[in-house]
Amino acid sequence: MRLAQIDEAIARLMTERRTLKTQLEADLAALRATPLPDDPRAYKAALKAREAQIRERERRYRAELRVLETRIKGLQSEAKTLRAQR
């Protein structure tokens, strides 16, 4: 009976090892697919570009919200109240 328990423990450990190895390989593949820029200035430029994208998206969402406010009755007054509370 003791040997059966040892065999089960070994089987569990082997399964865990395979799972961890698979996860490690996936993580390494992801790291290879997205290399970090070598030049810090390139990183800053990428951040500024992303920041500009976020600002543009926010501007578009606000414009869409204004259009929806005009279409949905009663939403305008609630939106004005919320803006005043900020």
PDB file of N, CA and C in Angstrom:
ATOM      1  N   MET A   1       0.835  -1.192   0.000  1.00  0.00           N
ATOM      2  CA  MET A   1       0.000   0.000   0.000  1.00  0.00           C
ATOM      3  C   MET A   1       0.876   1.250   0.000  1.00  0.00           C
ATOM      4  N   ARG A   2       1.939   1.216   0.640  1.00  0.00           N
ATOM      5  CA  ARG A   2       2.850   2.360   0.688  1.00  0.00           C
ATOM      6  C   ARG A   2       3.394   2.666  -0.701  1.00  0.00           C
ATOM      7  N   LEU A   3       3.701   1.649  -1.489  1.00  0.00           N
ATOM      8  CA  LEU A   3       4.203   1.855  -2.848  1.00  0.00           C
ATOM      9  C   LEU A   3       3.145   2.508  -3.735  1.00  0.00           C
ATOM     10  N   ALA A   4       1.899   2.158  -3.534  1.00  0.00           N
ATOM     11  CA  ALA A   4       0.815   2.753  -4.322  1.00  0.00           C
ATOM     12  C   ALA A   4       0.711   4.247  -4.026  1.00  0.00           C
ATOM     13  N   GLN A   5       0.857   4.625  -2.776  1.00  0.00           N
ATOM     14  CA  GLN A   5       0.807   6.041  -2.401  1.00  0.00           C
ATOM     15  C   GLN A   5       1.983   6.798  -3.000  1.00  0.00           C
ATOM     16  N   ILE A   6       3.147   6.169  -2.990  1.00  0.00           N
ATOM     17  CA  ILE A   6       4.332   6.807  -3.576  1.00  0.00           C
ATOM     18  C   ILE A   6       4.145   6.978  -5.079  1.00  0.00           C
ATOM     19  N   ASP A   7       3.588   5.958  -5.734  1.00  0.00           N
ATOM     20  CA  ASP A   7       3.328   6.052  -7.172  1.00  0.00           C
ATOM     21  C   ASP A   7       2.347   7.180  -7.486  1.00  0.00           C
ATOM     22  N   GLU A   8       1.309   7.323  -6.667  1.00  0.00           N
ATOM     23  CA  GLU A   8       0.334   8.403  -6.866  1.00  0.00           C
ATOM     24  C   GLU A   8       0.995   9.765  -6.685  1.00  0.00           C
ATOM     25  N   ALA A   9       1.829   9.881  -5.675  1.00  0.00           N
ATOM     26  CA  ALA A   9       2.523  11.148  -5.429  1.00  0.00           C
ATOM     27  C   ALA A   9       3.448  11.485  -6.591  1.00  0.00           C
ATOM     28  N   ILE A  10       4.146  10.479  -7.105  1.00  0.00           N
ATOM     29  CA  ILE A  10       5.030  10.706  -8.253  1.00  0.00           C
ATOM     30  C   ILE A  10       4.215  11.125  -9.467  1.00  0.00           C
ATOM     31  N   ALA A  11       3.080  10.486  -9.686  1.00  0.00           N
ATOM     32  CA  ALA A  11       2.229  10.837 -10.829  1.00  0.00           C
ATOM     33  C   ALA A  11       1.734  12.276 -10.708  1.00  0.00           C
ATOM     34  N   ARG A  12       1.332  12.684  -9.497  1.00  0.00           N
ATOM     35  CA  ARG A  12       0.874  14.067  -9.290  1.00  0.00           C
ATOM     36  C   ARG A  12       2.003  15.055  -9.545  1.00  0.00           C
ATOM     37  N   LEU A  13       3.188  14.732  -9.052  1.00  0.00           N
ATOM     38  CA  LEU A  13       4.333  15.618  -9.262  1.00  0.00           C
ATOM     39  C   LEU A  13       4.701  15.720 -10.741  1.00  0.00           C
ATOM     40  N   MET A  14       4.630  14.629 -11.456  1.00  0.00           N
ATOM     41  CA  MET A  14       4.936  14.648 -12.888  1.00  0.00           C
ATOM     42  C   MET A  14       3.908  15.497 -13.646  1.00  0.00           C
ATOM     43  N   THR A  15       2.647  15.372 -13.260  1.00  0.00           N
ATOM     44  CA  THR A  15       1.596  16.178 -13.889  1.00  0.00           C
ATOM     45  C   THR A  15       1.827  17.659 -13.608  1.00  0.00           C
ATOM     46  N   GLU A  16       2.152  17.975 -12.370  1.00  0.00           N
ATOM     47  CA  GLU A  16       2.425  19.366 -12.008  1.00  0.00           C
ATOM     48  C   GLU A  16       3.645  19.890 -12.759  1.00  0.00           C
ATOM     49  N   ARG A  17       4.666  19.064 -12.899  1.00  0.00           N
ATOM     50  CA  ARG A  17       5.872  19.455 -13.632  1.00  0.00           C
ATOM     51  C   ARG A  17       5.542  19.763 -15.087  1.00  0.00           C
ATOM     52  N   ARG A  18       4.744  18.898 -15.721  1.00  0.00           N
ATOM     53  CA  ARG A  18       4.354  19.135 -17.121  1.00  0.00           C
ATOM     54  C   ARG A  18       3.550  20.425 -17.254  1.00  0.00           C
ATOM     55  N   THR A  19       2.650  20.657 -16.315  1.00  0.00           N
ATOM     56  CA  THR A  19       1.834  21.875 -16.343  1.00  0.00           C
ATOM     57  C   THR A  19       2.708  23.113 -16.202  1.00  0.00           C
ATOM     58  N   LEU A  20       3.619  23.083 -15.247  1.00  0.00           N
ATOM     59  CA  LEU A  20       4.507  24.230 -15.040  1.00  0.00           C
ATOM     60  C   LEU A  20       5.419  24.456 -16.241  1.00  0.00           C
ATOM     61  N   LYS A  21       5.892  23.381 -16.836  1.00  0.00           N
ATOM     62  CA  LYS A  21       6.751  23.503 -18.011  1.00  0.00           C
ATOM     63  C   LYS A  21       5.982  24.128 -19.170  1.00  0.00           C
ATOM     64  N   THR A  22       4.736  23.714 -19.353  1.00  0.00           N
ATOM     65  CA  THR A  22       3.902  24.281 -20.410  1.00  0.00           C
ATOM     66  C   THR A  22       3.661  25.766 -20.173  1.00  0.00           C
ATOM     67  N   GLN A  23       3.371  26.135 -18.935  1.00  0.00           N
ATOM     68  CA  GLN A  23       3.154  27.546 -18.606  1.00  0.00           C
ATOM     69  C   GLN A  23       4.419  28.362 -18.836  1.00  0.00           C
ATOM     70  N   LEU A  24       5.560  27.816 -18.447  1.00  0.00           N
ATOM     71  CA  LEU A  24       6.829  28.508 -18.636  1.00  0.00           C
ATOM     72  C   LEU A  24       7.119  28.713 -20.118  1.00  0.00           C
ATOM     73  N   GLU A  25       6.883  27.694 -20.927  1.00  0.00           N
ATOM     74  CA  GLU A  25       7.106  27.820 -22.369  1.00  0.00           C
ATOM     75  C   GLU A  25       6.188  28.877 -22.975  1.00  0.00           C
ATOM     76  N   ALA A  26       4.939  28.917 -22.522  1.00  0.00           N
ATOM     77  CA  ALA A  26       4.006  29.928 -23.026  1.00  0.00           C
ATOM     78  C   ALA A  26       4.454  31.328 -22.621  1.00  0.00           C
ATOM     79  N   ASP A  27       4.911  31.478 -21.385  1.00  0.00           N
ATOM     80  CA  ASP A  27       5.393  32.781 -20.921  1.00  0.00           C
ATOM     81  C   ASP A  27       6.623  33.228 -21.702  1.00  0.00           C
ATOM     82  N   LEU A  28       7.537  32.300 -21.947  1.00  0.00           N
ATOM     83  CA  LEU A  28       8.734  32.636 -22.720  1.00  0.00           C
ATOM     84  C   LEU A  28       8.379  33.023 -24.152  1.00  0.00           C
ATOM     85  N   ALA A  29       7.427  32.325 -24.737  1.00  0.00           N
ATOM     86  CA  ALA A  29       6.994  32.659 -26.096  1.00  0.00           C
ATOM     87  C   ALA A  29       6.377  34.055 -26.131  1.00  0.00           C
ATOM     88  N   ALA A  30       5.608  34.395 -25.108  1.00  0.00           N
ATOM     89  CA  ALA A  30       5.001  35.727 -25.052  1.00  0.00           C
ATOM     90  C   ALA A  30       6.067  36.799 -24.906  1.00  0.00           C
ATOM     91  N   LEU A  31       7.085  36.529 -24.110  1.00  0.00           N
ATOM     92  CA  LEU A  31       8.167  37.504 -23.947  1.00  0.00           C
ATOM     93  C   LEU A  31       8.940  37.693 -25.245  1.00  0.00           C
ATOM     94  N   ARG A  32       9.152  36.619 -25.968  1.00  0.00           N
ATOM     95  CA  ARG A  32       9.870  36.734 -27.243  1.00  0.00           C
ATOM     96  C   ARG A  32       9.040  37.482 -28.279  1.00  0.00           C
ATOM     97  N   ALA A  33       7.731  37.349 -28.200  1.00  0.00           N
ATOM     98  CA  ALA A  33       6.852  37.983 -29.185  1.00  0.00           C
ATOM     99  C   ALA A  33       6.757  39.487 -28.982  1.00  0.00           C
ATOM    100  N   THR A  34       6.958  39.969 -27.767  1.00  0.00           N
ATOM    101  CA  THR A  34       6.844  41.398 -27.487  1.00  0.00           C
ATOM    102  C   THR A  34       8.134  41.910 -26.866  1.00  0.00           C
ATOM    103  N   PRO A  35       9.128  42.178 -27.684  1.00  0.00           N
ATOM    104  CA  PRO A  35      10.394  42.665 -27.124  1.00  0.00           C
ATOM    105  C   PRO A  35      10.258  44.102 -26.620  1.00  0.00           C
ATOM    106  N   LEU A  36      11.002  44.399 -25.600  1.00  0.00           N
ATOM    107  CA  LEU A  36      11.018  45.755 -25.063  1.00  0.00           C
ATOM    108  C   LEU A  36      11.938  46.621 -25.914  1.00  0.00           C
ATOM    109  N   PRO A  37      11.601  47.887 -26.077  1.00  0.00           N
ATOM    110  CA  PRO A  37      12.490  48.753 -26.847  1.00  0.00           C
ATOM    111  C   PRO A  37      13.809  48.965 -26.103  1.00  0.00           C
ATOM    112  N   ASP A  38      14.887  48.986 -26.865  1.00  0.00           N
ATOM    113  CA  ASP A  38      16.201  49.175 -26.255  1.00  0.00           C
ATOM    114  C   ASP A  38      16.424  50.624 -25.835  1.00  0.00           C
ATOM    115  N   ASP A  39      15.896  51.533 -26.626  1.00  0.00           N
ATOM    116  CA  ASP A  39      16.112  52.950 -26.384  1.00  0.00           C
ATOM    117  C   ASP A  39      15.004  53.492 -25.477  1.00  0.00           C
ATOM    118  N   PRO A  40      15.351  54.077 -24.340  1.00  0.00           N
ATOM    119  CA  PRO A  40      14.319  54.633 -23.460  1.00  0.00           C
ATOM    120  C   PRO A  40      13.484  55.714 -24.143  1.00  0.00           C
ATOM    121  N   ARG A  41      14.094  56.423 -25.092  1.00  0.00           N
ATOM    122  CA  ARG A  41      13.329  57.453 -25.803  1.00  0.00           C
ATOM    123  C   ARG A  41      12.234  56.824 -26.647  1.00  0.00           C
ATOM    124  N   ALA A  42      12.506  55.652 -27.204  1.00  0.00           N
ATOM    125  CA  ALA A  42      11.480  54.956 -27.983  1.00  0.00           C
ATOM    126  C   ALA A  42      10.322  54.556 -27.072  1.00  0.00           C
ATOM    127  N   TYR A  43      10.647  54.149 -25.852  1.00  0.00           N
ATOM    128  CA  TYR A  43       9.622  53.782 -24.891  1.00  0.00           C
ATOM    129  C   TYR A  43       8.764  54.997 -24.546  1.00  0.00           C
ATOM    130  N   LYS A  44       9.412  56.140 -24.329  1.00  0.00           N
ATOM    131  CA  LYS A  44       8.665  57.362 -24.017  1.00  0.00           C
ATOM    132  C   LYS A  44       7.801  57.787 -25.192  1.00  0.00           C
ATOM    133  N   ALA A  45       8.321  57.642 -26.398  1.00  0.00           N
ATOM    134  CA  ALA A  45       7.539  57.993 -27.581  1.00  0.00           C
ATOM    135  C   ALA A  45       6.316  57.089 -27.696  1.00  0.00           C
ATOM    136  N   ALA A  46       6.498  55.811 -27.396  1.00  0.00           N
ATOM    137  CA  ALA A  46       5.372  54.880 -27.440  1.00  0.00           C
ATOM    138  C   ALA A  46       4.331  55.249 -26.387  1.00  0.00           C
ATOM    139  N   LEU A  47       4.794  55.660 -25.205  1.00  0.00           N
ATOM    140  CA  LEU A  47       3.864  56.083 -24.158  1.00  0.00           C
ATOM    141  C   LEU A  47       3.084  57.321 -24.573  1.00  0.00           C
ATOM    142  N   LYS A  48       3.779  58.276 -25.186  1.00  0.00           N
ATOM    143  CA  LYS A  48       3.098  59.493 -25.628  1.00  0.00           C
ATOM    144  C   LYS A  48       2.075  59.183 -26.711  1.00  0.00           C
ATOM    145  N   ALA A  49       2.419  58.279 -27.615  1.00  0.00           N
ATOM    146  CA  ALA A  49       1.476  57.898 -28.669  1.00  0.00           C
ATOM    147  C   ALA A  49       0.255  57.225 -28.062  1.00  0.00           C
ATOM    148  N   ARG A  50       0.471  56.357 -27.091  1.00  0.00           N
ATOM    149  CA  ARG A  50      -0.644  55.673 -26.434  1.00  0.00           C
ATOM    150  C   ARG A  50      -1.504  56.671 -25.668  1.00  0.00           C
ATOM    151  N   GLU A  51      -0.864  57.620 -25.038  1.00  0.00           N
ATOM    152  CA  GLU A  51      -1.592  58.658 -24.307  1.00  0.00           C
ATOM    153  C   GLU A  51      -2.467  59.468 -25.259  1.00  0.00           C
ATOM    154  N   ALA A  52      -1.929  59.789 -26.430  1.00  0.00           N
ATOM    155  CA  ALA A  52      -2.699  60.529 -27.430  1.00  0.00           C
ATOM    156  C   ALA A  52      -3.889  59.704 -27.908  1.00  0.00           C
ATOM    157  N   GLN A  53      -3.690  58.400 -28.077  1.00  0.00           N
ATOM    158  CA  GLN A  53      -4.792  57.529 -28.488  1.00  0.00           C
ATOM    159  C   GLN A  53      -5.889  57.518 -27.434  1.00  0.00           C
ATOM    160  N   ILE A  54      -5.491  57.456 -26.182  1.00  0.00           N
ATOM    161  CA  ILE A  54      -6.474  57.427 -25.097  1.00  0.00           C
ATOM    162  C   ILE A  54      -7.246  58.741 -25.045  1.00  0.00           C
ATOM    163  N   ARG A  55      -6.548  59.855 -25.192  1.00  0.00           N
ATOM    164  CA  ARG A  55      -7.233  61.159 -25.187  1.00  0.00           C
ATOM    165  C   ARG A  55      -8.218  61.265 -26.348  1.00  0.00           C
ATOM    166  N   GLU A  56      -7.808  60.802 -27.527  1.00  0.00           N
ATOM    167  CA  GLU A  56      -8.692  60.850 -28.696  1.00  0.00           C
ATOM    168  C   GLU A  56      -9.916  59.968 -28.471  1.00  0.00           C
ATOM    169  N   ARG A  57      -9.701  58.797 -27.912  1.00  0.00           N
ATOM    170  CA  ARG A  57     -10.824  57.899 -27.636  1.00  0.00           C
ATOM    171  C   ARG A  57     -11.770  58.533 -26.625  1.00  0.00           C
ATOM    172  N   GLU A  58     -11.229  59.186 -25.604  1.00  0.00           N
ATOM    173  CA  GLU A  58     -12.068  59.849 -24.611  1.00  0.00           C
ATOM    174  C   GLU A  58     -12.879  60.970 -25.261  1.00  0.00           C
ATOM    175  N   ARG A  59     -12.239  61.727 -26.165  1.00  0.00           N
ATOM    176  CA  ARG A  59     -12.942  62.805 -26.856  1.00  0.00           C
ATOM    177  C   ARG A  59     -14.104  62.251 -27.677  1.00  0.00           C
ATOM    178  N   ARG A  60     -13.847  61.125 -28.382  1.00  0.00           N
ATOM    179  CA  ARG A  60     -14.913  60.520 -29.189  1.00  0.00           C
ATOM    180  C   ARG A  60     -16.047  60.005 -28.314  1.00  0.00           C
ATOM    181  N   TYR A  61     -15.712  59.386 -27.179  1.00  0.00           N
ATOM    182  CA  TYR A  61     -16.749  58.880 -26.285  1.00  0.00           C
ATOM    183  C   TYR A  61     -17.591  60.014 -25.718  1.00  0.00           C
ATOM    184  N   ARG A  62     -16.937  61.115 -25.392  1.00  0.00           N
ATOM    185  CA  ARG A  62     -17.697  62.264 -24.879  1.00  0.00           C
ATOM    186  C   ARG A  62     -18.636  62.819 -25.952  1.00  0.00           C
ATOM    187  N   ALA A  63     -18.152  62.858 -27.193  1.00  0.00           N
ATOM    188  CA  ALA A  63     -19.001  63.333 -28.288  1.00  0.00           C
ATOM    189  C   ALA A  63     -20.184  62.393 -28.494  1.00  0.00           C
ATOM    190  N   GLU A  64     -19.929  61.091 -28.443  1.00  0.00           N
ATOM    191  CA  GLU A  64     -21.015  60.123 -28.581  1.00  0.00           C
ATOM    192  C   GLU A  64     -22.012  60.260 -27.441  1.00  0.00           C
ATOM    193  N   LEU A  65     -21.507  60.516 -26.254  1.00  0.00           N
ATOM    194  CA  LEU A  65     -22.383  60.688 -25.100  1.00  0.00           C
ATOM    195  C   LEU A  65     -23.285  61.903 -25.275  1.00  0.00           C
ATOM    196  N   ARG A  66     -22.721  62.995 -25.799  1.00  0.00           N
ATOM    197  CA  ARG A  66     -23.539  64.189 -26.039  1.00  0.00           C
ATOM    198  C   ARG A  66     -24.644  63.899 -27.053  1.00  0.00           C
ATOM    199  N   VAL A  67     -24.321  63.123 -28.085  1.00  0.00           N
ATOM    200  CA  VAL A  67     -25.335  62.759 -29.079  1.00  0.00           C
ATOM    201  C   VAL A  67     -26.422  61.918 -28.428  1.00  0.00           C
ATOM    202  N   LEU A  68     -26.026  60.952 -27.618  1.00  0.00           N
ATOM    203  CA  LEU A  68     -27.012  60.107 -26.943  1.00  0.00           C
ATOM    204  C   LEU A  68     -27.860  60.911 -25.969  1.00  0.00           C
ATOM    205  N   GLU A  69     -27.245  61.882 -25.303  1.00  0.00           N
ATOM    206  CA  GLU A  69     -27.996  62.719 -24.367  1.00  0.00           C
ATOM    207  C   GLU A  69     -29.105  63.471 -25.090  1.00  0.00           C
ATOM    208  N   THR A  70     -28.818  63.925 -26.301  1.00  0.00           N
ATOM    209  CA  THR A  70     -29.842  64.669 -27.035  1.00  0.00           C
ATOM    210  C   THR A  70     -30.940  63.750 -27.547  1.00  0.00           C
ATOM    211  N   ARG A  71     -30.617  62.492 -27.778  1.00  0.00           N
ATOM    212  CA  ARG A  71     -31.613  61.548 -28.300  1.00  0.00           C
ATOM    213  C   ARG A  71     -32.514  60.989 -27.206  1.00  0.00           C
ATOM    214  N   ILE A  72     -31.978  60.810 -26.024  1.00  0.00           N
ATOM    215  CA  ILE A  72     -32.743  60.184 -24.951  1.00  0.00           C
ATOM    216  C   ILE A  72     -33.282  61.273 -24.038  1.00  0.00           C
ATOM    217  N   LYS A  73     -34.598  61.341 -23.974  1.00  0.00           N
ATOM    218  CA  LYS A  73     -35.254  62.370 -23.179  1.00  0.00           C
ATOM    219  C   LYS A  73     -34.982  62.131 -21.692  1.00  0.00           C
ATOM    220  N   GLY A  74     -34.686  63.171 -20.974  1.00  0.00           N
ATOM    221  CA  GLY A  74     -34.447  63.072 -19.544  1.00  0.00           C
ATOM    222  C   GLY A  74     -32.994  62.819 -19.186  1.00  0.00           C
ATOM    223  N   LEU A  75     -32.230  62.309 -20.130  1.00  0.00           N
ATOM    224  CA  LEU A  75     -30.833  62.019 -19.841  1.00  0.00           C
ATOM    225  C   LEU A  75     -30.016  63.304 -19.769  1.00  0.00           C
ATOM    226  N   GLN A  76     -30.451  64.319 -20.506  1.00  0.00           N
ATOM    227  CA  GLN A  76     -29.718  65.592 -20.497  1.00  0.00           C
ATOM    228  C   GLN A  76     -29.682  66.198 -19.106  1.00  0.00           C
ATOM    229  N   SER A  77     -30.825  66.230 -18.448  1.00  0.00           N
ATOM    230  CA  SER A  77     -30.860  66.851 -17.122  1.00  0.00           C
ATOM    231  C   SER A  77     -30.028  66.044 -16.128  1.00  0.00           C
ATOM    232  N   GLU A  78     -30.076  64.718 -16.222  1.00  0.00           N
ATOM    233  CA  GLU A  78     -29.265  63.893 -15.323  1.00  0.00           C
ATOM    234  C   GLU A  78     -27.780  64.087 -15.596  1.00  0.00           C
ATOM    235  N   ALA A  79     -27.412  64.202 -16.860  1.00  0.00           N
ATOM    236  CA  ALA A  79     -26.007  64.396 -17.218  1.00  0.00           C
ATOM    237  C   ALA A  79     -25.517  65.749 -16.713  1.00  0.00           C
ATOM    238  N   LYS A  80     -26.346  66.776 -16.843  1.00  0.00           N
ATOM    239  CA  LYS A  80     -25.959  68.100 -16.352  1.00  0.00           C
ATOM    240  C   LYS A  80     -25.767  68.074 -14.839  1.00  0.00           C
ATOM    241  N   THR A  81     -26.641  67.365 -14.147  1.00  0.00           N
ATOM    242  CA  THR A  81     -26.523  67.247 -12.695  1.00  0.00           C
ATOM    243  C   THR A  81     -25.226  66.552 -12.313  1.00  0.00           C
ATOM    244  N   LEU A  82     -24.902  65.471 -13.019  1.00  0.00           N
ATOM    245  CA  LEU A  82     -23.665  64.743 -12.725  1.00  0.00           C
ATOM    246  C   LEU A  82     -22.438  65.593 -13.014  1.00  0.00           C
ATOM    247  N   ARG A  83     -22.472  66.346 -14.113  1.00  0.00           N
ATOM    248  CA  ARG A  83     -21.333  67.211 -14.437  1.00  0.00           C
ATOM    249  C   ARG A  83     -21.156  68.293 -13.382  1.00  0.00           C
ATOM    250  N   ALA A  84     -22.265  68.813 -12.882  1.00  0.00           N
ATOM    251  CA  ALA A  84     -22.197  69.861 -11.867  1.00  0.00           C
ATOM    252  C   ALA A  84     -21.632  69.320 -10.556  1.00  0.00           C
ATOM    253  N   GLN A  85     -21.840  68.039 -10.298  1.00  0.00           N
ATOM    254  CA  GLN A  85     -21.350  67.441  -9.054  1.00  0.00           C
ATOM    255  C   GLN A  85     -19.850  67.205  -9.081  1.00  0.00           C
ATOM    256  N   ARG A  86     -19.238  67.136 -10.255  1.00  0.00           N
ATOM    257  CA  ARG A  86     -17.793  66.870 -10.347  1.00  0.00           C
ATOM    258  C   ARG A  86     -17.010  67.967  -9.790  1.00  0.00           C
TER     259      ARG A  86
END
